[in-house]
PDB file of N, CA and C in Angstrom:
ATOM      1  N   MET A   1    -114.843 -92.643  75.594  1.00  0.00           N
ATOM      2  CA  MET A   1    -114.110 -93.684  76.271  1.00  0.00           C
ATOM      3  C   MET A   1    -113.696 -93.154  77.637  1.00  0.00           C
ATOM      4  N   SER A   2    -114.121 -93.824  78.634  1.00  0.00           N
ATOM      5  CA  SER A   2    -113.830 -93.374  79.993  1.00  0.00           C
ATOM      6  C   SER A   2    -112.862 -94.344  80.642  1.00  0.00           C
ATOM      7  N   LEU A   3    -111.869 -93.778  81.256  1.00  0.00           N
ATOM      8  CA  LEU A   3    -110.885 -94.610  81.943  1.00  0.00           C
ATOM      9  C   LEU A   3    -110.963 -94.421  83.456  1.00  0.00           C
ATOM     10  N   GLN A   4    -112.137 -94.024  83.945  1.00  0.00           N
ATOM     11  CA  GLN A   4    -112.289 -93.821  85.388  1.00  0.00           C
ATOM     12  C   GLN A   4    -112.158 -95.158  86.116  1.00  0.00           C
ATOM     13  N   GLY A   5    -111.640 -95.078  87.281  1.00  0.00           N
ATOM     14  CA  GLY A   5    -111.497 -96.278  88.083  1.00  0.00           C
ATOM     15  C   GLY A   5    -110.194 -97.001  87.813  1.00  0.00           C
ATOM     16  N   GLN A   6    -109.475 -96.566  86.797  1.00  0.00           N
ATOM     17  CA  GLN A   6    -108.206 -97.205  86.489  1.00  0.00           C
ATOM     18  C   GLN A   6    -107.083 -96.324  87.009  1.00  0.00           C
ATOM     19  N   GLY A   7    -105.952 -96.920  87.190  1.00  0.00           N
ATOM     20  CA  GLY A   7    -104.811 -96.186  87.727  1.00  0.00           C
ATOM     21  C   GLY A   7    -104.240 -95.217  86.709  1.00  0.00           C
ATOM     22  N   ILE A   8    -103.478 -94.257  87.203  1.00  0.00           N
ATOM     23  CA  ILE A   8    -102.862 -93.239  86.359  1.00  0.00           C
ATOM     24  C   ILE A   8    -101.877 -93.879  85.382  1.00  0.00           C
ATOM     25  N   LEU A   9    -101.213 -94.945  85.815  1.00  0.00           N
ATOM     26  CA  LEU A   9    -100.267 -95.647  84.947  1.00  0.00           C
ATOM     27  C   LEU A   9    -100.995 -96.280  83.757  1.00  0.00           C
ATOM     28  N   THR A  10    -102.149 -96.860  84.000  1.00  0.00           N
ATOM     29  CA  THR A  10    -102.937 -97.463  82.930  1.00  0.00           C
ATOM     30  C   THR A  10    -103.401 -96.403  81.936  1.00  0.00           C
ATOM     31  N   GLN A  11    -103.843 -95.263  82.454  1.00  0.00           N
ATOM     32  CA  GLN A  11    -104.267 -94.176  81.572  1.00  0.00           C
ATOM     33  C   GLN A  11    -103.099 -93.670  80.731  1.00  0.00           C
ATOM     34  N   LEU A  12    -101.939 -93.531  81.341  1.00  0.00           N
ATOM     35  CA  LEU A  12    -100.758 -93.056  80.635  1.00  0.00           C
ATOM     36  C   LEU A  12    -100.348 -94.033  79.533  1.00  0.00           C
ATOM     37  N   ILE A  13    -100.376 -95.316  79.833  1.00  0.00           N
ATOM     38  CA  ILE A  13    -100.043 -96.336  78.827  1.00  0.00           C
ATOM     39  C   ILE A  13    -101.053 -96.310  77.688  1.00  0.00           C
ATOM     40  N   ALA A  14    -102.338 -96.158  78.013  1.00  0.00           N
ATOM     41  CA  ALA A  14    -103.370 -96.103  76.976  1.00  0.00           C
ATOM     42  C   ALA A  14    -103.167 -94.888  76.069  1.00  0.00           C
ATOM     43  N   ILE A  15    -102.827 -93.763  76.650  1.00  0.00           N
ATOM     44  CA  ILE A  15    -102.588 -92.547  75.851  1.00  0.00           C
ATOM     45  C   ILE A  15    -101.360 -92.728  74.964  1.00  0.00           C
ATOM     46  N   ILE A  16    -100.304 -93.328  75.513  1.00  0.00           N
ATOM     47  CA  ILE A  16     -99.089 -93.552  74.725  1.00  0.00           C
ATOM     48  C   ILE A  16     -99.368 -94.504  73.563  1.00  0.00           C
ATOM     49  N   ILE A  17    -100.112 -95.572  73.810  1.00  0.00           N
ATOM     50  CA  ILE A  17    -100.461 -96.517  72.743  1.00  0.00           C
ATOM     51  C   ILE A  17    -101.316 -95.826  71.685  1.00  0.00           C
ATOM     52  N   PHE A  18    -102.279 -95.030  72.111  1.00  0.00           N
ATOM     53  CA  PHE A  18    -103.132 -94.303  71.173  1.00  0.00           C
ATOM     54  C   PHE A  18    -102.302 -93.361  70.314  1.00  0.00           C
ATOM     55  N   LEU A  19    -101.401 -92.594  70.923  1.00  0.00           N
ATOM     56  CA  LEU A  19    -100.559 -91.667  70.165  1.00  0.00           C
ATOM     57  C   LEU A  19     -99.620 -92.406  69.220  1.00  0.00           C
ATOM     58  N   ALA A  20     -99.138 -93.572  69.616  1.00  0.00           N
ATOM     59  CA  ALA A  20     -98.277 -94.370  68.741  1.00  0.00           C
ATOM     60  C   ALA A  20     -99.045 -94.853  67.519  1.00  0.00           C
ATOM     61  N   ILE A  21    -100.286 -95.279  67.719  1.00  0.00           N
ATOM     62  CA  ILE A  21    -101.120 -95.727  66.600  1.00  0.00           C
ATOM     63  C   ILE A  21    -101.418 -94.560  65.658  1.00  0.00           C
ATOM     64  N   VAL A  22    -101.762 -93.402  66.209  1.00  0.00           N
ATOM     65  CA  VAL A  22    -102.036 -92.214  65.387  1.00  0.00           C
ATOM     66  C   VAL A  22    -100.790 -91.803  64.611  1.00  0.00           C
ATOM     67  N   ALA A  23     -99.630 -91.821  65.252  1.00  0.00           N
ATOM     68  CA  ALA A  23     -98.383 -91.448  64.580  1.00  0.00           C
ATOM     69  C   ALA A  23     -98.058 -92.437  63.465  1.00  0.00           C
ATOM     70  N   ALA A  24     -98.234 -93.732  63.735  1.00  0.00           N
ATOM     71  CA  ALA A  24     -97.956 -94.743  62.710  1.00  0.00           C
ATOM     72  C   ALA A  24     -98.873 -94.548  61.506  1.00  0.00           C
ATOM     73  N   LEU A  25    -100.151 -94.313  61.751  1.00  0.00           N
ATOM     74  CA  LEU A  25    -101.083 -94.074  60.650  1.00  0.00           C
ATOM     75  C   LEU A  25    -100.713 -92.804  59.883  1.00  0.00           C
ATOM     76  N   PHE A  26    -100.288 -91.777  60.604  1.00  0.00           N
ATOM     77  CA  PHE A  26     -99.895 -90.524  59.960  1.00  0.00           C
ATOM     78  C   PHE A  26     -98.700 -90.746  59.053  1.00  0.00           C
ATOM     79  N   PHE A  27     -97.713 -91.504  59.524  1.00  0.00           N
ATOM     80  CA  PHE A  27     -96.515 -91.744  58.732  1.00  0.00           C
ATOM     81  C   PHE A  27     -96.742 -92.727  57.595  1.00  0.00           C
ATOM     82  N   ILE A  28     -97.863 -93.428  57.595  1.00  0.00           N
ATOM     83  CA  ILE A  28     -98.212 -94.315  56.482  1.00  0.00           C
ATOM     84  C   ILE A  28     -99.132 -93.591  55.498  1.00  0.00           C
ATOM     85  N   VAL A  29    -100.131 -92.902  55.990  1.00  0.00           N
ATOM     86  CA  VAL A  29    -101.145 -92.293  55.134  1.00  0.00           C
ATOM     87  C   VAL A  29    -100.609 -91.083  54.373  1.00  0.00           C
ATOM     88  N   VAL A  30     -99.865 -90.226  55.024  1.00  0.00           N
ATOM     89  CA  VAL A  30     -99.388 -89.002  54.368  1.00  0.00           C
ATOM     90  C   VAL A  30     -98.437 -89.324  53.209  1.00  0.00           C
ATOM     91  N   PRO A  31     -97.406 -90.137  53.379  1.00  0.00           N
ATOM     92  CA  PRO A  31     -96.555 -90.461  52.231  1.00  0.00           C
ATOM     93  C   PRO A  31     -97.320 -91.179  51.121  1.00  0.00           C
ATOM     94  N   LEU A  32     -98.252 -92.039  51.499  1.00  0.00           N
ATOM     95  CA  LEU A  32     -99.057 -92.735  50.493  1.00  0.00           C
ATOM     96  C   LEU A  32     -99.885 -91.744  49.693  1.00  0.00           C
ATOM     97  N   ALA A  33    -100.466 -90.762  50.353  1.00  0.00           N
ATOM     98  CA  ALA A  33    -101.243 -89.739  49.653  1.00  0.00           C
ATOM     99  C   ALA A  33    -100.353 -88.921  48.722  1.00  0.00           C
ATOM    100  N   ILE A  34     -99.149 -88.599  49.170  1.00  0.00           N
ATOM    101  CA  ILE A  34     -98.224 -87.835  48.321  1.00  0.00           C
ATOM    102  C   ILE A  34     -97.827 -88.661  47.102  1.00  0.00           C
ATOM    103  N   VAL A  35     -97.519 -89.931  47.304  1.00  0.00           N
ATOM    104  CA  VAL A  35     -97.139 -90.797  46.185  1.00  0.00           C
ATOM    105  C   VAL A  35     -98.289 -90.924  45.188  1.00  0.00           C
ATOM    106  N   LEU A  36     -99.498 -91.132  45.681  1.00  0.00           N
ATOM    107  CA  LEU A  36    -100.649 -91.247  44.787  1.00  0.00           C
ATOM    108  C   LEU A  36    -100.901 -89.948  44.031  1.00  0.00           C
ATOM    109  N   PHE A  37    -100.693 -88.812  44.669  1.00  0.00           N
ATOM    110  CA  PHE A  37    -100.860 -87.525  44.012  1.00  0.00           C
ATOM    111  C   PHE A  37     -99.837 -87.360  42.890  1.00  0.00           C
ATOM    112  N   VAL A  38     -98.586 -87.700  43.155  1.00  0.00           N
ATOM    113  CA  VAL A  38     -97.536 -87.585  42.129  1.00  0.00           C
ATOM    114  C   VAL A  38     -97.804 -88.542  40.977  1.00  0.00           C
ATOM    115  N   VAL A  39     -98.211 -89.769  41.274  1.00  0.00           N
ATOM    116  CA  VAL A  39     -98.530 -90.738  40.220  1.00  0.00           C
ATOM    117  C   VAL A  39     -99.697 -90.227  39.376  1.00  0.00           C
ATOM    118  N   GLY A  40    -100.686 -89.631  40.022  1.00  0.00           N
ATOM    119  CA  GLY A  40    -101.811 -89.059  39.282  1.00  0.00           C
ATOM    120  C   GLY A  40    -101.386 -87.917  38.381  1.00  0.00           C
ATOM    121  N   LEU A  41    -100.503 -87.048  38.876  1.00  0.00           N
ATOM    122  CA  LEU A  41    -100.001 -85.947  38.041  1.00  0.00           C
ATOM    123  C   LEU A  41     -99.220 -86.475  36.846  1.00  0.00           C
ATOM    124  N   ILE A  42     -98.399 -87.489  37.041  1.00  0.00           N
ATOM    125  CA  ILE A  42     -97.622 -88.068  35.941  1.00  0.00           C
ATOM    126  C   ILE A  42     -98.558 -88.704  34.917  1.00  0.00           C
ATOM    127  N   ALA A  43     -99.552 -89.437  35.382  1.00  0.00           N
ATOM    128  CA  ALA A  43    -100.512 -90.059  34.465  1.00  0.00           C
ATOM    129  C   ALA A  43    -101.273 -88.997  33.676  1.00  0.00           C
ATOM    130  N   TYR A  44    -101.665 -87.917  34.333  1.00  0.00           N
ATOM    131  CA  TYR A  44    -102.371 -86.837  33.649  1.00  0.00           C
ATOM    132  C   TYR A  44    -101.469 -86.177  32.602  1.00  0.00           C
ATOM    133  N   ALA A  45    -100.205 -85.962  32.945  1.00  0.00           N
ATOM    134  CA  ALA A  45     -99.275 -85.344  31.995  1.00  0.00           C
ATOM    135  C   ALA A  45     -99.062 -86.241  30.788  1.00  0.00           C
ATOM    136  N   ILE A  46     -98.902 -87.545  31.007  1.00  0.00           N
ATOM    137  CA  ILE A  46     -98.735 -88.484  29.895  1.00  0.00           C
ATOM    138  C   ILE A  46     -99.971 -88.466  29.001  1.00  0.00           C
ATOM    139  N   PHE A  47    -101.144 -88.458  29.606  1.00  0.00           N
ATOM    140  CA  PHE A  47    -102.390 -88.408  28.837  1.00  0.00           C
ATOM    141  C   PHE A  47    -102.449 -87.154  27.973  1.00  0.00           C
ATOM    142  N   ARG A  48    -102.103 -86.001  28.564  1.00  0.00           N
ATOM    143  CA  ARG A  48    -102.158 -84.738  27.806  1.00  0.00           C
ATOM    144  C   ARG A  48    -101.140 -84.724  26.668  1.00  0.00           C
ATOM    145  N   ILE A  49     -99.943 -85.246  26.914  1.00  0.00           N
ATOM    146  CA  ILE A  49     -98.922 -85.267  25.870  1.00  0.00           C
ATOM    147  C   ILE A  49     -99.332 -86.192  24.737  1.00  0.00           C
ATOM    148  N   LYS A  50     -99.834 -87.377  25.063  1.00  0.00           N
ATOM    149  CA  LYS A  50    -100.296 -88.297  24.020  1.00  0.00           C
ATOM    150  C   LYS A  50    -101.421 -87.673  23.204  1.00  0.00           C
ATOM    151  N   ARG A  51    -102.349 -87.021  23.889  1.00  0.00           N
ATOM    152  CA  ARG A  51    -103.457 -86.389  23.190  1.00  0.00           C
ATOM    153  C   ARG A  51    -102.973 -85.272  22.277  1.00  0.00           C
ATOM    154  N   ALA A  52    -101.984 -84.509  22.721  1.00  0.00           N
ATOM    155  CA  ALA A  52    -101.452 -83.419  21.902  1.00  0.00           C
ATOM    156  C   ALA A  52    -100.794 -83.967  20.637  1.00  0.00           C
ATOM    157  N   PHE A  53    -100.014 -85.040  20.759  1.00  0.00           N
ATOM    158  CA  PHE A  53     -99.373 -85.614  19.581  1.00  0.00           C
ATOM    159  C   PHE A  53    -100.383 -86.284  18.659  1.00  0.00           C
ATOM    160  N   ARG A  54    -101.388 -86.909  19.231  1.00  0.00           N
ATOM    161  CA  ARG A  54    -102.417 -87.549  18.410  1.00  0.00           C
ATOM    162  C   ARG A  54    -103.166 -86.504  17.597  1.00  0.00           C
ATOM    163  N   ARG A  55    -103.528 -85.395  18.239  1.00  0.00           N
ATOM    164  CA  ARG A  55    -104.251 -84.330  17.540  1.00  0.00           C
ATOM    165  C   ARG A  55    -103.353 -83.634  16.536  1.00  0.00           C
ATOM    166  N   ALA A  56    -102.047 -83.591  16.797  1.00  0.00           N
ATOM    167  CA  ALA A  56    -101.132 -82.910  15.885  1.00  0.00           C
ATOM    168  C   ALA A  56    -101.021 -83.644  14.556  1.00  0.00           C
ATOM    169  N   HIS A  57    -101.187 -84.954  14.564  1.00  0.00           N
ATOM    170  CA  HIS A  57    -101.063 -85.734  13.331  1.00  0.00           C
ATOM    171  C   HIS A  57    -102.400 -85.992  12.653  1.00  0.00           C
ATOM    172  N   GLU A  58    -103.480 -85.496  13.207  1.00  0.00           N
ATOM    173  CA  GLU A  58    -104.785 -85.640  12.566  1.00  0.00           C
ATOM    174  C   GLU A  58    -104.844 -84.757  11.334  1.00  0.00           C
ATOM    175  N   PRO A  59    -105.773 -85.017  10.429  1.00  0.00           N
ATOM    176  CA  PRO A  59    -105.930 -84.148   9.255  1.00  0.00           C
ATOM    177  C   PRO A  59    -106.150 -82.697   9.680  1.00  0.00           C
ATOM    178  N   ASN A  60    -105.455 -81.807   9.026  1.00  0.00           N
ATOM    179  CA  ASN A  60    -105.467 -80.368   9.299  1.00  0.00           C
ATOM    180  C   ASN A  60    -104.814 -80.019  10.629  1.00  0.00           C
ATOM    181  N   GLY A  61    -104.126 -80.963  11.247  1.00  0.00           N
ATOM    182  CA  GLY A  61    -103.401 -80.665  12.476  1.00  0.00           C
ATOM    183  C   GLY A  61    -102.113 -79.913  12.157  1.00  0.00           C
ATOM    184  N   PRO A  62    -101.452 -79.375  13.171  1.00  0.00           N
ATOM    185  CA  PRO A  62    -100.249 -78.573  12.925  1.00  0.00           C
ATOM    186  C   PRO A  62     -99.094 -79.370  12.313  1.00  0.00           C
ATOM    187  N   LEU A  63     -99.044 -80.670  12.464  1.00  0.00           N
ATOM    188  CA  LEU A  63     -97.966 -81.480  11.894  1.00  0.00           C
ATOM    189  C   LEU A  63     -98.437 -82.292  10.687  1.00  0.00           C
ATOM    190  N   ASP A  64     -99.576 -81.961  10.147  1.00  0.00           N
ATOM    191  CA  ASP A  64    -100.138 -82.713   9.028  1.00  0.00           C
ATOM    192  C   ASP A  64     -99.313 -82.510   7.767  1.00  0.00           C
ATOM    193  N   GLY A  65     -98.772 -81.329   7.526  1.00  0.00           N
ATOM    194  CA  GLY A  65     -97.927 -81.081   6.362  1.00  0.00           C
ATOM    195  C   GLY A  65     -98.676 -80.664   5.124  1.00  0.00           C
ATOM    196  N   ARG A  66     -99.981 -80.676   5.152  1.00  0.00           N
ATOM    197  CA  ARG A  66    -100.762 -80.251   3.990  1.00  0.00           C
ATOM    198  C   ARG A  66    -101.359 -78.888   4.278  1.00  0.00           C
ATOM    199  N   ARG A  67    -101.594 -78.132   3.239  1.00  0.00           N
ATOM    200  CA  ARG A  67    -102.183 -76.801   3.376  1.00  0.00           C
ATOM    201  C   ARG A  67    -103.575 -76.792   2.751  1.00  0.00           C
ATOM    202  N   ASN A  68    -104.485 -76.130   3.409  1.00  0.00           N
ATOM    203  CA  ASN A  68    -105.837 -75.917   2.892  1.00  0.00           C
ATOM    204  C   ASN A  68    -106.508 -77.228   2.491  1.00  0.00           C
ATOM    205  N   VAL A  69    -106.409 -78.210   3.295  1.00  0.00           N
ATOM    206  CA  VAL A  69    -107.043 -79.498   3.032  1.00  0.00           C
ATOM    207  C   VAL A  69    -108.348 -79.538   3.803  1.00  0.00           C
ATOM    208  N   ARG A  70    -109.393 -79.831   3.110  1.00  0.00           N
ATOM    209  CA  ARG A  70    -110.700 -79.955   3.754  1.00  0.00           C
ATOM    210  C   ARG A  70    -110.976 -81.437   3.964  1.00  0.00           C
ATOM    211  N   VAL A  71    -111.324 -81.793   5.166  1.00  0.00           N
ATOM    212  CA  VAL A  71    -111.609 -83.176   5.499  1.00  0.00           C
ATOM    213  C   VAL A  71    -113.115 -83.330   5.573  1.00  0.00           C
ATOM    214  N   VAL A  72    -113.615 -84.254   4.777  1.00  0.00           N
ATOM    215  CA  VAL A  72    -115.057 -84.493   4.743  1.00  0.00           C
ATOM    216  C   VAL A  72    -115.346 -85.668   5.657  1.00  0.00           C
ATOM    217  N   GLN A  73    -116.194 -85.439   6.631  1.00  0.00           N
ATOM    218  CA  GLN A  73    -116.616 -86.478   7.545  1.00  0.00           C
ATOM    219  C   GLN A  73    -117.919 -87.069   7.016  1.00  0.00           C
ATOM    220  N   ARG A  74    -117.903 -88.338   6.668  1.00  0.00           N
ATOM    221  CA  ARG A  74    -119.111 -88.976   6.146  1.00  0.00           C
ATOM    222  C   ARG A  74    -119.766 -89.779   7.262  1.00  0.00           C
ATOM    223  N   ASP A  75    -121.065 -89.662   7.350  1.00  0.00           N
ATOM    224  CA  ASP A  75    -121.819 -90.453   8.327  1.00  0.00           C
ATOM    225  C   ASP A  75    -122.038 -91.834   7.751  1.00  0.00           C
ATOM    226  N   GLU A  76    -121.769 -92.821   8.555  1.00  0.00           N
ATOM    227  CA  GLU A  76    -121.972 -94.201   8.071  1.00  0.00           C
ATOM    228  C   GLU A  76    -123.156 -94.809   8.731  1.00  0.00           C
TER     229      GLU A  76
END
């Protein structure tokens, strides 16, 4: 982008507008990325916790309460 032939005031205004747009995008994109990252971490943690409790109550899991139980998986 060339601003030759235009006055110094026009160039200065164009630079200020450009920097304002970049700053606005920076202040919108960075917090949004942080929020999405935190939401992703929370979703991942919930998934892992649910999976841990689900596996704990499966046959022969640590919270099953039975000892030496063999689970036979039948193919249907």
